[in-house]
């Protein structure tokens, strides 16, 4: 299980394969960040494997996997998309899309056979994937006078925060990205300095 303010995803695209009674199931797993990206990759797979009978898929997006979908693409209901989604879920992954392209071999596999085939092809791809643990970021905005610059920048460095944007005019404004679990601690540290934090 990932830590509370992190999530697991895959590092780069991977492919898996399962063959059964002449049918070929090619699983394509991708790290994704948005539903737009999902649509593009599905369109790409349909183009690349234009001669395949089915292009079934499932995805989970969002740091807690709150956006998800499974699609059977013409296979019997719940025989393709759900087994794919089940494999993503069982590994606690999110920000992942898996498309399984099926070339029909002439022999029907039955619902049980299809569930097994889609699940196995997906497992083969995800077993090859390098798993990444990513930190869920939160944002903190700090307003301060120039005389506090060194103290503020030391905190930024100590907590490994990323500067998203900065504006140095009469006063300084910095928007920072900080690990979610450290937000309260970071705000408390800034509060000890004479700076405004939001």
N, C-alpha and C. Protein backbone atom coordinates (compact mmCIF):
# COMPACT_ATOMS: atom_id res chain seq x y z
N UNK A 1 0.85 -1.21 0.00
CA UNK A 1 0.00 0.00 0.00
C UNK A 1 0.88 1.25 0.00
N UNK A 2 0.50 2.26 -0.80
CA UNK A 2 1.29 3.49 -0.77
C UNK A 2 1.07 4.26 0.54
N UNK A 3 2.01 5.16 0.86
CA UNK A 3 1.87 6.01 2.04
C UNK A 3 0.66 6.93 1.82
N UNK A 4 0.07 7.48 2.91
CA UNK A 4 -1.16 8.27 2.78
C UNK A 4 -1.10 9.43 1.80
N UNK A 5 0.05 10.10 1.68
CA UNK A 5 0.07 11.24 0.75
C UNK A 5 0.86 10.92 -0.53
N UNK A 6 0.83 9.65 -0.91
CA UNK A 6 1.48 9.25 -2.16
C UNK A 6 0.52 8.35 -2.94
N UNK A 7 0.85 8.13 -4.19
CA UNK A 7 0.10 7.14 -4.97
C UNK A 7 1.08 6.36 -5.85
N UNK A 8 0.64 5.19 -6.29
CA UNK A 8 1.47 4.35 -7.13
C UNK A 8 0.99 4.43 -8.57
N UNK A 9 1.93 4.51 -9.49
CA UNK A 9 1.60 4.49 -10.91
C UNK A 9 2.71 3.75 -11.64
N UNK A 10 2.60 3.66 -12.97
CA UNK A 10 3.68 3.00 -13.70
C UNK A 10 4.59 4.06 -14.31
N UNK A 11 5.87 3.71 -14.46
CA UNK A 11 6.86 4.70 -14.88
C UNK A 11 6.80 4.99 -16.38
N UNK A 12 6.54 3.96 -17.18
CA UNK A 12 6.51 4.15 -18.64
C UNK A 12 5.63 3.08 -19.27
N UNK A 13 5.24 3.25 -20.54
CA UNK A 13 4.36 2.28 -21.20
C UNK A 13 4.98 0.89 -21.28
N UNK A 14 4.15 -0.13 -21.10
CA UNK A 14 4.60 -1.53 -21.21
C UNK A 14 3.55 -2.32 -21.98
N UNK A 15 3.99 -3.48 -22.47
CA UNK A 15 3.10 -4.33 -23.26
C UNK A 15 3.04 -5.73 -22.66
N UNK A 16 1.87 -6.35 -22.73
CA UNK A 16 1.71 -7.73 -22.28
C UNK A 16 1.01 -8.53 -23.37
N UNK A 17 1.05 -9.86 -23.25
CA UNK A 17 0.46 -10.70 -24.28
C UNK A 17 -0.12 -11.97 -23.67
N UNK A 18 -1.26 -12.39 -24.22
CA UNK A 18 -1.86 -13.68 -23.83
C UNK A 18 -2.49 -14.27 -25.08
N UNK A 19 -2.25 -15.58 -25.28
CA UNK A 19 -2.82 -16.27 -26.43
C UNK A 19 -3.69 -17.42 -25.96
N UNK A 20 -4.83 -17.58 -26.61
CA UNK A 20 -5.75 -18.66 -26.24
C UNK A 20 -6.57 -19.06 -27.47
N UNK A 21 -6.48 -20.34 -27.85
CA UNK A 21 -7.27 -20.90 -28.98
C UNK A 21 -7.24 -20.00 -30.20
N UNK A 22 -6.06 -19.57 -30.57
CA UNK A 22 -5.91 -18.74 -31.77
C UNK A 22 -6.17 -17.25 -31.56
N UNK A 23 -6.85 -16.90 -30.47
CA UNK A 23 -7.07 -15.47 -30.19
C UNK A 23 -5.81 -14.90 -29.53
N UNK A 24 -5.54 -13.65 -29.88
CA UNK A 24 -4.36 -12.98 -29.32
C UNK A 24 -4.83 -11.74 -28.58
N UNK A 25 -4.38 -11.58 -27.34
CA UNK A 25 -4.75 -10.43 -26.51
C UNK A 25 -3.48 -9.64 -26.22
N UNK A 26 -3.40 -8.44 -26.77
CA UNK A 26 -2.22 -7.58 -26.56
C UNK A 26 -2.61 -6.48 -25.58
N UNK A 27 -1.94 -6.46 -24.43
CA UNK A 27 -2.24 -5.45 -23.40
C UNK A 27 -1.25 -4.31 -23.50
N UNK A 28 -1.76 -3.09 -23.57
CA UNK A 28 -0.94 -1.89 -23.65
C UNK A 28 -1.22 -1.05 -22.40
N UNK A 29 -0.23 -0.91 -21.54
CA UNK A 29 -0.42 -0.15 -20.30
C UNK A 29 0.35 1.17 -20.39
N UNK A 30 -0.31 2.24 -19.99
CA UNK A 30 0.28 3.59 -20.09
C UNK A 30 0.10 4.36 -18.78
N UNK A 31 1.10 5.17 -18.41
CA UNK A 31 0.87 6.14 -17.33
C UNK A 31 0.09 7.31 -17.94
N UNK A 32 -0.97 7.76 -17.28
CA UNK A 32 -1.78 8.87 -17.81
C UNK A 32 -2.09 9.88 -16.70
N UNK A 33 -2.38 11.12 -17.12
CA UNK A 33 -2.67 12.16 -16.13
C UNK A 33 -4.06 12.75 -16.30
N UNK A 34 -4.72 12.47 -17.46
CA UNK A 34 -6.02 13.09 -17.70
C UNK A 34 -6.86 12.22 -18.63
N UNK A 35 -8.18 12.51 -18.64
CA UNK A 35 -9.07 11.76 -19.53
C UNK A 35 -8.81 12.12 -20.99
N UNK A 36 -8.30 13.32 -21.25
CA UNK A 36 -7.94 13.72 -22.63
C UNK A 36 -6.84 12.81 -23.15
N UNK A 37 -5.86 12.57 -22.28
CA UNK A 37 -4.74 11.69 -22.63
C UNK A 37 -5.25 10.26 -22.91
N UNK A 38 -6.20 9.81 -22.08
CA UNK A 38 -6.80 8.48 -22.26
C UNK A 38 -7.44 8.39 -23.65
N UNK A 39 -8.24 9.39 -24.01
CA UNK A 39 -8.94 9.40 -25.31
C UNK A 39 -7.93 9.34 -26.46
N UNK A 40 -6.85 10.12 -26.34
CA UNK A 40 -5.83 10.14 -27.39
C UNK A 40 -5.18 8.78 -27.57
N UNK A 41 -4.85 8.14 -26.45
CA UNK A 41 -4.18 6.83 -26.50
C UNK A 41 -5.10 5.74 -27.06
N UNK A 42 -6.39 5.82 -26.71
CA UNK A 42 -7.35 4.83 -27.24
C UNK A 42 -7.48 5.02 -28.76
N UNK A 43 -7.58 6.27 -29.19
CA UNK A 43 -7.69 6.56 -30.63
C UNK A 43 -6.44 6.07 -31.37
N UNK A 44 -5.29 6.26 -30.74
CA UNK A 44 -4.00 5.81 -31.30
C UNK A 44 -3.98 4.29 -31.44
N UNK A 45 -4.46 3.59 -30.40
CA UNK A 45 -4.47 2.11 -30.42
C UNK A 45 -5.43 1.59 -31.49
N UNK A 46 -6.59 2.24 -31.63
CA UNK A 46 -7.56 1.83 -32.66
C UNK A 46 -6.96 1.99 -34.06
N UNK A 47 -6.16 3.04 -34.23
CA UNK A 47 -5.52 3.31 -35.52
C UNK A 47 -4.42 2.28 -35.79
N UNK A 48 -3.58 2.07 -34.77
CA UNK A 48 -2.44 1.16 -34.92
C UNK A 48 -2.90 -0.28 -35.10
N UNK A 49 -3.93 -0.70 -34.33
CA UNK A 49 -4.44 -2.07 -34.41
C UNK A 49 -5.82 -2.05 -35.06
N UNK A 50 -5.90 -1.39 -36.21
CA UNK A 50 -7.19 -1.18 -36.88
C UNK A 50 -7.87 -2.48 -37.27
N UNK A 51 -7.08 -3.55 -37.46
CA UNK A 51 -7.64 -4.83 -37.91
C UNK A 51 -8.04 -5.75 -36.75
N UNK A 52 -7.93 -5.27 -35.51
CA UNK A 52 -8.31 -6.09 -34.35
C UNK A 52 -9.82 -6.05 -34.16
N UNK A 53 -10.38 -7.11 -33.56
CA UNK A 53 -11.83 -7.21 -33.37
C UNK A 53 -12.31 -6.31 -32.23
N UNK A 54 -11.54 -6.25 -31.14
CA UNK A 54 -11.95 -5.46 -29.97
C UNK A 54 -10.78 -4.64 -29.43
N UNK A 55 -11.10 -3.48 -28.86
CA UNK A 55 -10.13 -2.62 -28.18
C UNK A 55 -10.74 -2.30 -26.81
N UNK A 56 -10.62 -3.22 -25.88
CA UNK A 56 -11.23 -3.05 -24.55
C UNK A 56 -10.24 -2.31 -23.65
N UNK A 57 -10.78 -1.58 -22.67
CA UNK A 57 -9.85 -0.82 -21.83
C UNK A 57 -10.45 -0.54 -20.46
N UNK A 58 -9.57 -0.11 -19.57
CA UNK A 58 -9.97 0.40 -18.26
C UNK A 58 -8.91 1.39 -17.82
N UNK A 59 -9.34 2.38 -17.03
CA UNK A 59 -8.36 3.33 -16.50
C UNK A 59 -8.78 3.79 -15.12
N UNK A 60 -7.78 4.26 -14.38
CA UNK A 60 -8.00 4.91 -13.09
C UNK A 60 -7.18 6.18 -13.10
N UNK A 61 -7.84 7.30 -12.77
CA UNK A 61 -7.17 8.60 -12.74
C UNK A 61 -7.54 9.28 -11.42
N UNK A 62 -6.64 10.13 -10.95
CA UNK A 62 -6.87 10.83 -9.69
C UNK A 62 -5.97 10.22 -8.64
N UNK A 63 -5.55 11.03 -7.69
CA UNK A 63 -4.59 10.55 -6.69
C UNK A 63 -5.13 9.40 -5.86
N UNK A 64 -6.46 9.35 -5.68
CA UNK A 64 -7.07 8.22 -4.97
C UNK A 64 -7.77 7.28 -5.96
N UNK A 65 -7.52 7.44 -7.24
CA UNK A 65 -8.16 6.62 -8.25
C UNK A 65 -9.66 6.88 -8.33
N UNK A 66 -10.05 8.14 -8.04
CA UNK A 66 -11.48 8.45 -7.95
C UNK A 66 -12.20 8.50 -9.30
N UNK A 67 -11.46 8.64 -10.40
CA UNK A 67 -12.08 8.62 -11.73
C UNK A 67 -11.66 7.34 -12.43
N UNK A 68 -12.64 6.50 -12.72
CA UNK A 68 -12.29 5.24 -13.39
C UNK A 68 -13.39 4.82 -14.35
N UNK A 69 -13.01 3.98 -15.29
CA UNK A 69 -13.98 3.51 -16.27
C UNK A 69 -13.50 2.18 -16.83
N UNK A 70 -14.44 1.32 -17.18
CA UNK A 70 -14.13 0.05 -17.83
C UNK A 70 -15.01 -0.06 -19.06
N UNK A 71 -14.44 -0.50 -20.18
CA UNK A 71 -15.19 -0.58 -21.43
C UNK A 71 -14.96 -1.94 -22.09
N UNK A 72 -16.06 -2.64 -22.40
CA UNK A 72 -15.98 -3.99 -22.99
C UNK A 72 -15.86 -3.98 -24.52
N UNK A 73 -16.09 -2.83 -25.14
CA UNK A 73 -15.98 -2.68 -26.60
C UNK A 73 -16.57 -3.86 -27.39
N UNK A 74 -17.81 -4.20 -27.07
CA UNK A 74 -18.49 -5.24 -27.85
C UNK A 74 -18.34 -6.65 -27.32
N UNK A 75 -17.46 -6.87 -26.37
CA UNK A 75 -17.37 -8.19 -25.74
C UNK A 75 -18.57 -8.33 -24.79
N UNK A 76 -18.92 -9.57 -24.37
CA UNK A 76 -20.04 -9.72 -23.42
C UNK A 76 -19.83 -8.84 -22.18
N UNK A 77 -20.93 -8.30 -21.66
CA UNK A 77 -20.90 -7.38 -20.52
C UNK A 77 -20.02 -7.89 -19.37
N UNK A 78 -19.14 -7.03 -18.89
CA UNK A 78 -18.24 -7.29 -17.74
C UNK A 78 -17.19 -8.38 -17.99
N UNK A 79 -17.00 -8.79 -19.25
CA UNK A 79 -16.03 -9.87 -19.51
C UNK A 79 -14.64 -9.34 -19.85
N UNK A 80 -14.52 -8.02 -20.11
CA UNK A 80 -13.23 -7.48 -20.55
C UNK A 80 -12.79 -6.28 -19.71
N UNK A 81 -13.58 -5.20 -19.72
CA UNK A 81 -13.20 -3.98 -19.00
C UNK A 81 -13.01 -4.21 -17.51
N UNK A 82 -13.96 -4.93 -16.89
CA UNK A 82 -13.87 -5.16 -15.44
C UNK A 82 -12.63 -5.97 -15.03
N UNK A 83 -12.31 -7.07 -15.75
CA UNK A 83 -11.07 -7.80 -15.39
C UNK A 83 -9.81 -6.93 -15.54
N UNK A 84 -9.82 -6.05 -16.54
CA UNK A 84 -8.67 -5.15 -16.72
C UNK A 84 -8.59 -4.19 -15.52
N UNK A 85 -9.73 -3.58 -15.19
CA UNK A 85 -9.79 -2.65 -14.05
C UNK A 85 -9.40 -3.35 -12.75
N UNK A 86 -9.84 -4.59 -12.60
CA UNK A 86 -9.52 -5.37 -11.39
C UNK A 86 -8.03 -5.53 -11.19
N UNK A 87 -7.29 -5.71 -12.28
CA UNK A 87 -5.83 -5.85 -12.20
C UNK A 87 -5.17 -4.53 -11.79
N UNK A 88 -5.69 -3.43 -12.29
CA UNK A 88 -5.14 -2.11 -11.92
C UNK A 88 -5.38 -1.89 -10.42
N UNK A 89 -6.63 -2.18 -9.99
CA UNK A 89 -7.01 -1.99 -8.58
C UNK A 89 -6.21 -2.88 -7.64
N UNK A 90 -6.04 -4.15 -8.02
CA UNK A 90 -5.39 -5.10 -7.11
C UNK A 90 -3.93 -4.73 -6.85
N UNK A 91 -3.37 -3.90 -7.72
CA UNK A 91 -1.98 -3.45 -7.53
C UNK A 91 -1.93 -2.05 -6.90
N UNK A 92 -3.09 -1.51 -6.51
CA UNK A 92 -3.19 -0.16 -5.92
C UNK A 92 -2.61 0.91 -6.82
N UNK A 93 -2.83 0.76 -8.13
CA UNK A 93 -2.29 1.74 -9.07
C UNK A 93 -3.35 2.78 -9.42
N UNK A 94 -2.90 3.96 -9.81
CA UNK A 94 -3.78 4.97 -10.39
C UNK A 94 -2.97 5.73 -11.43
N UNK A 95 -3.63 6.68 -12.13
CA UNK A 95 -2.99 7.38 -13.25
C UNK A 95 -2.50 6.35 -14.28
N UNK A 96 -3.33 5.32 -14.52
CA UNK A 96 -2.96 4.22 -15.42
C UNK A 96 -4.12 3.91 -16.37
N UNK A 97 -3.77 3.66 -17.63
CA UNK A 97 -4.71 3.18 -18.64
C UNK A 97 -4.18 1.86 -19.17
N UNK A 98 -5.05 0.85 -19.28
CA UNK A 98 -4.67 -0.40 -19.94
C UNK A 98 -5.69 -0.66 -21.05
N UNK A 99 -5.18 -0.81 -22.28
CA UNK A 99 -6.00 -1.17 -23.43
C UNK A 99 -5.62 -2.60 -23.80
N UNK A 100 -6.60 -3.47 -23.95
CA UNK A 100 -6.29 -4.83 -24.42
C UNK A 100 -6.93 -4.99 -25.79
N UNK A 101 -6.07 -5.21 -26.77
CA UNK A 101 -6.48 -5.36 -28.17
C UNK A 101 -6.64 -6.86 -28.43
N UNK A 102 -7.81 -7.26 -28.96
CA UNK A 102 -8.03 -8.69 -29.21
C UNK A 102 -8.15 -8.99 -30.70
N UNK A 103 -7.32 -9.93 -31.13
CA UNK A 103 -7.45 -10.50 -32.47
C UNK A 103 -8.17 -11.83 -32.31
N UNK A 104 -9.34 -11.96 -32.91
CA UNK A 104 -10.18 -13.16 -32.75
C UNK A 104 -9.61 -14.32 -33.55
N UNK A 105 -9.51 -15.46 -32.88
CA UNK A 105 -8.90 -16.63 -33.53
C UNK A 105 -9.89 -17.61 -34.12
N UNK A 106 -11.19 -17.28 -34.08
CA UNK A 106 -12.17 -18.17 -34.70
C UNK A 106 -12.90 -19.08 -33.72
N UNK A 107 -12.34 -19.26 -32.51
CA UNK A 107 -12.98 -20.11 -31.50
C UNK A 107 -13.48 -19.23 -30.36
N UNK A 108 -14.75 -19.35 -30.03
CA UNK A 108 -15.29 -18.56 -28.92
C UNK A 108 -14.75 -19.09 -27.60
N UNK A 109 -14.44 -18.19 -26.70
CA UNK A 109 -13.83 -18.59 -25.43
C UNK A 109 -14.85 -18.68 -24.30
N UNK A 110 -16.04 -18.13 -24.50
CA UNK A 110 -17.03 -18.09 -23.42
C UNK A 110 -16.68 -16.97 -22.45
N UNK A 111 -17.63 -16.55 -21.64
CA UNK A 111 -17.42 -15.43 -20.73
C UNK A 111 -16.27 -15.71 -19.76
N UNK A 112 -16.25 -16.89 -19.16
CA UNK A 112 -15.17 -17.26 -18.23
C UNK A 112 -13.80 -17.19 -18.88
N UNK A 113 -13.73 -17.70 -20.12
CA UNK A 113 -12.47 -17.68 -20.86
C UNK A 113 -12.02 -16.28 -21.19
N UNK A 114 -13.00 -15.42 -21.52
CA UNK A 114 -12.67 -14.02 -21.83
C UNK A 114 -12.16 -13.29 -20.60
N UNK A 115 -12.86 -13.49 -19.47
CA UNK A 115 -12.43 -12.85 -18.21
C UNK A 115 -10.99 -13.24 -17.91
N UNK A 116 -10.70 -14.54 -18.04
CA UNK A 116 -9.34 -15.04 -17.77
C UNK A 116 -8.33 -14.41 -18.73
N UNK A 117 -8.69 -14.34 -20.02
CA UNK A 117 -7.77 -13.82 -21.03
C UNK A 117 -7.45 -12.34 -20.82
N UNK A 118 -8.48 -11.53 -20.58
CA UNK A 118 -8.25 -10.09 -20.39
C UNK A 118 -7.48 -9.81 -19.10
N UNK A 119 -7.80 -10.59 -18.08
CA UNK A 119 -7.11 -10.44 -16.79
C UNK A 119 -5.63 -10.83 -16.93
N UNK A 120 -5.37 -11.95 -17.61
CA UNK A 120 -4.00 -12.46 -17.75
C UNK A 120 -3.15 -11.55 -18.62
N UNK A 121 -3.71 -11.05 -19.72
CA UNK A 121 -2.96 -10.14 -20.60
C UNK A 121 -2.58 -8.87 -19.83
N UNK A 122 -3.54 -8.34 -19.06
CA UNK A 122 -3.29 -7.13 -18.26
C UNK A 122 -2.22 -7.39 -17.21
N UNK A 123 -2.35 -8.53 -16.52
CA UNK A 123 -1.36 -8.89 -15.49
C UNK A 123 0.03 -9.00 -16.09
N UNK A 124 0.12 -9.58 -17.29
CA UNK A 124 1.42 -9.73 -17.96
C UNK A 124 2.06 -8.36 -18.19
N UNK A 125 1.25 -7.39 -18.65
CA UNK A 125 1.80 -6.04 -18.88
C UNK A 125 2.20 -5.39 -17.56
N UNK A 126 1.31 -5.42 -16.58
CA UNK A 126 1.59 -4.71 -15.31
C UNK A 126 2.72 -5.37 -14.52
N UNK A 127 2.91 -6.68 -14.69
CA UNK A 127 4.03 -7.36 -14.03
C UNK A 127 5.37 -6.86 -14.56
N UNK A 128 5.38 -6.39 -15.81
CA UNK A 128 6.63 -5.88 -16.41
C UNK A 128 6.87 -4.41 -16.08
N UNK A 129 5.85 -3.74 -15.57
CA UNK A 129 5.94 -2.29 -15.35
C UNK A 129 6.83 -1.94 -14.17
N UNK A 130 7.55 -0.83 -14.33
CA UNK A 130 8.29 -0.28 -13.20
C UNK A 130 7.30 0.59 -12.43
N UNK A 131 7.12 0.30 -11.14
CA UNK A 131 6.14 1.02 -10.33
C UNK A 131 6.80 2.23 -9.67
N UNK A 132 6.13 3.36 -9.79
CA UNK A 132 6.63 4.62 -9.22
C UNK A 132 5.74 5.05 -8.07
N UNK A 133 6.35 5.49 -6.99
CA UNK A 133 5.56 6.09 -5.91
C UNK A 133 5.68 7.59 -6.04
N UNK A 134 4.55 8.26 -6.27
CA UNK A 134 4.57 9.71 -6.45
C UNK A 134 3.93 10.40 -5.26
N UNK A 135 4.49 11.56 -4.94
CA UNK A 135 3.99 12.34 -3.81
C UNK A 135 2.81 13.20 -4.25
N UNK A 136 1.77 13.25 -3.43
CA UNK A 136 0.63 14.12 -3.71
C UNK A 136 1.01 15.52 -3.20
N UNK A 137 1.07 16.49 -4.10
CA UNK A 137 1.49 17.82 -3.67
C UNK A 137 0.33 18.70 -3.22
N UNK A 138 0.65 19.67 -2.41
CA UNK A 138 -0.30 20.71 -2.03
C UNK A 138 0.43 22.03 -2.27
N UNK A 139 -0.33 23.13 -2.29
CA UNK A 139 0.31 24.42 -2.54
C UNK A 139 0.23 25.34 -1.33
N UNK A 140 1.30 26.09 -1.16
CA UNK A 140 1.38 27.07 -0.08
C UNK A 140 1.85 28.37 -0.72
N UNK A 141 1.22 29.48 -0.34
CA UNK A 141 1.64 30.79 -0.87
C UNK A 141 2.21 31.60 0.29
N UNK A 142 3.41 32.15 0.07
CA UNK A 142 4.09 32.90 1.12
C UNK A 142 4.32 34.34 0.66
N UNK A 143 3.99 35.34 1.54
CA UNK A 143 4.21 36.76 1.27
C UNK A 143 5.19 37.27 2.33
N UNK A 144 6.23 37.92 1.91
CA UNK A 144 7.22 38.38 2.89
C UNK A 144 8.04 39.55 2.36
N UNK A 145 8.72 40.23 3.26
CA UNK A 145 9.60 41.33 2.89
C UNK A 145 10.98 40.78 2.51
N UNK A 146 11.74 41.57 1.77
CA UNK A 146 13.05 41.14 1.28
C UNK A 146 13.99 40.66 2.39
N UNK A 147 13.86 41.29 3.57
CA UNK A 147 14.77 40.93 4.66
C UNK A 147 14.57 39.49 5.15
N UNK A 148 13.45 38.86 4.76
CA UNK A 148 13.19 37.47 5.18
C UNK A 148 13.57 36.47 4.09
N UNK A 149 14.10 36.95 2.98
CA UNK A 149 14.41 36.09 1.83
C UNK A 149 15.26 34.87 2.20
N UNK A 150 16.36 35.06 2.91
CA UNK A 150 17.25 33.93 3.24
C UNK A 150 16.56 32.90 4.12
N UNK A 151 15.81 33.38 5.12
CA UNK A 151 15.12 32.47 6.04
C UNK A 151 14.05 31.66 5.28
N UNK A 152 13.32 32.33 4.40
CA UNK A 152 12.27 31.65 3.61
C UNK A 152 12.90 30.62 2.68
N UNK A 153 13.96 31.02 1.98
CA UNK A 153 14.59 30.10 1.02
C UNK A 153 15.25 28.91 1.72
N UNK A 154 15.69 29.10 2.96
CA UNK A 154 16.26 27.99 3.72
C UNK A 154 15.15 26.96 4.01
N UNK A 155 13.97 27.44 4.40
CA UNK A 155 12.84 26.52 4.64
C UNK A 155 12.44 25.78 3.36
N UNK A 156 12.43 26.51 2.25
CA UNK A 156 12.08 25.91 0.95
C UNK A 156 13.04 24.74 0.67
N UNK A 157 14.33 24.98 0.94
CA UNK A 157 15.36 23.96 0.71
C UNK A 157 15.22 22.81 1.71
N UNK A 158 15.05 23.15 3.00
CA UNK A 158 14.95 22.11 4.04
C UNK A 158 13.80 21.14 3.79
N UNK A 159 12.68 21.68 3.29
CA UNK A 159 11.49 20.83 3.07
C UNK A 159 11.35 20.37 1.62
N UNK A 160 12.40 20.59 0.84
CA UNK A 160 12.43 20.16 -0.56
C UNK A 160 11.18 20.60 -1.32
N UNK A 161 10.79 21.86 -1.11
CA UNK A 161 9.62 22.40 -1.81
C UNK A 161 10.02 22.89 -3.19
N UNK A 162 9.10 22.81 -4.13
CA UNK A 162 9.34 23.34 -5.47
C UNK A 162 8.68 24.69 -5.60
N UNK A 163 9.40 25.64 -6.22
CA UNK A 163 8.83 26.96 -6.47
C UNK A 163 8.01 26.88 -7.75
N UNK A 164 6.70 27.12 -7.64
CA UNK A 164 5.81 27.09 -8.82
C UNK A 164 5.84 28.44 -9.52
N UNK A 165 5.73 29.51 -8.71
CA UNK A 165 5.83 30.85 -9.29
C UNK A 165 6.34 31.80 -8.22
N UNK A 166 6.96 32.90 -8.67
CA UNK A 166 7.45 33.89 -7.72
C UNK A 166 7.31 35.28 -8.31
N UNK A 167 7.10 36.23 -7.42
CA UNK A 167 6.92 37.61 -7.86
C UNK A 167 7.61 38.49 -6.83
N UNK A 168 8.68 39.17 -7.25
CA UNK A 168 9.41 40.03 -6.33
C UNK A 168 9.20 41.48 -6.75
N UNK A 169 8.23 42.14 -6.15
CA UNK A 169 8.02 43.57 -6.42
C UNK A 169 8.30 44.30 -5.11
N UNK A 170 7.33 45.06 -4.57
CA UNK A 170 7.54 45.74 -3.28
C UNK A 170 7.73 44.69 -2.18
N UNK A 171 6.90 43.65 -2.24
CA UNK A 171 7.08 42.52 -1.32
C UNK A 171 7.24 41.27 -2.17
N UNK A 172 7.64 40.19 -1.55
CA UNK A 172 7.87 38.95 -2.28
C UNK A 172 6.68 38.00 -2.11
N UNK A 173 6.32 37.36 -3.19
CA UNK A 173 5.25 36.36 -3.16
C UNK A 173 5.77 35.11 -3.84
N UNK A 174 5.70 34.00 -3.13
CA UNK A 174 6.16 32.74 -3.72
C UNK A 174 5.05 31.70 -3.55
N UNK A 175 4.75 31.00 -4.66
CA UNK A 175 3.82 29.87 -4.61
C UNK A 175 4.66 28.60 -4.62
N UNK A 176 4.46 27.77 -3.60
CA UNK A 176 5.30 26.59 -3.43
C UNK A 176 4.49 25.29 -3.50
N UNK A 177 5.14 24.26 -3.97
CA UNK A 177 4.54 22.93 -3.97
C UNK A 177 5.21 22.16 -2.84
N UNK A 178 4.38 21.60 -1.94
CA UNK A 178 4.91 20.90 -0.77
C UNK A 178 4.17 19.58 -0.61
N UNK A 179 4.85 18.62 -0.07
CA UNK A 179 4.23 17.33 0.18
C UNK A 179 3.01 17.52 1.09
N UNK A 180 1.87 16.93 0.70
CA UNK A 180 0.60 17.14 1.39
C UNK A 180 0.68 16.94 2.91
N UNK A 181 1.37 15.88 3.33
CA UNK A 181 1.43 15.57 4.76
C UNK A 181 2.25 16.58 5.55
N UNK A 182 3.02 17.43 4.84
CA UNK A 182 3.88 18.40 5.54
C UNK A 182 3.31 19.82 5.57
N UNK A 183 2.13 20.01 4.96
CA UNK A 183 1.57 21.37 4.84
C UNK A 183 1.47 22.08 6.18
N UNK A 184 0.85 21.45 7.18
CA UNK A 184 0.65 22.12 8.48
C UNK A 184 1.98 22.45 9.15
N UNK A 185 2.91 21.51 9.07
CA UNK A 185 4.24 21.71 9.67
C UNK A 185 4.97 22.88 8.99
N UNK A 186 4.89 22.92 7.66
CA UNK A 186 5.53 24.00 6.90
C UNK A 186 4.90 25.35 7.24
N UNK A 187 3.55 25.38 7.30
CA UNK A 187 2.86 26.63 7.64
C UNK A 187 3.28 27.12 9.03
N UNK A 188 3.42 26.18 9.97
CA UNK A 188 3.83 26.53 11.34
C UNK A 188 5.25 27.12 11.34
N UNK A 189 6.13 26.54 10.52
CA UNK A 189 7.52 27.05 10.45
C UNK A 189 7.53 28.46 9.87
N UNK A 190 6.74 28.67 8.81
CA UNK A 190 6.68 30.02 8.21
C UNK A 190 6.08 31.01 9.19
N UNK A 191 5.10 30.56 9.97
CA UNK A 191 4.44 31.44 10.95
C UNK A 191 5.44 31.94 12.00
N UNK A 192 6.48 31.16 12.27
CA UNK A 192 7.52 31.57 13.23
C UNK A 192 8.34 32.74 12.68
N UNK A 193 8.41 32.81 11.35
CA UNK A 193 9.09 33.93 10.72
C UNK A 193 8.03 35.04 10.60
N UNK A 194 8.46 36.23 10.24
CA UNK A 194 7.49 37.29 10.09
C UNK A 194 6.97 37.31 8.64
N UNK A 195 6.30 36.20 8.25
CA UNK A 195 5.79 36.11 6.88
C UNK A 195 4.31 35.71 6.92
N UNK A 196 3.64 36.04 5.84
CA UNK A 196 2.22 35.70 5.71
C UNK A 196 2.14 34.44 4.88
N UNK A 197 1.37 33.46 5.34
CA UNK A 197 1.30 32.20 4.59
C UNK A 197 -0.16 31.81 4.38
N UNK A 198 -0.46 31.30 3.19
CA UNK A 198 -1.82 30.87 2.87
C UNK A 198 -1.78 29.46 2.30
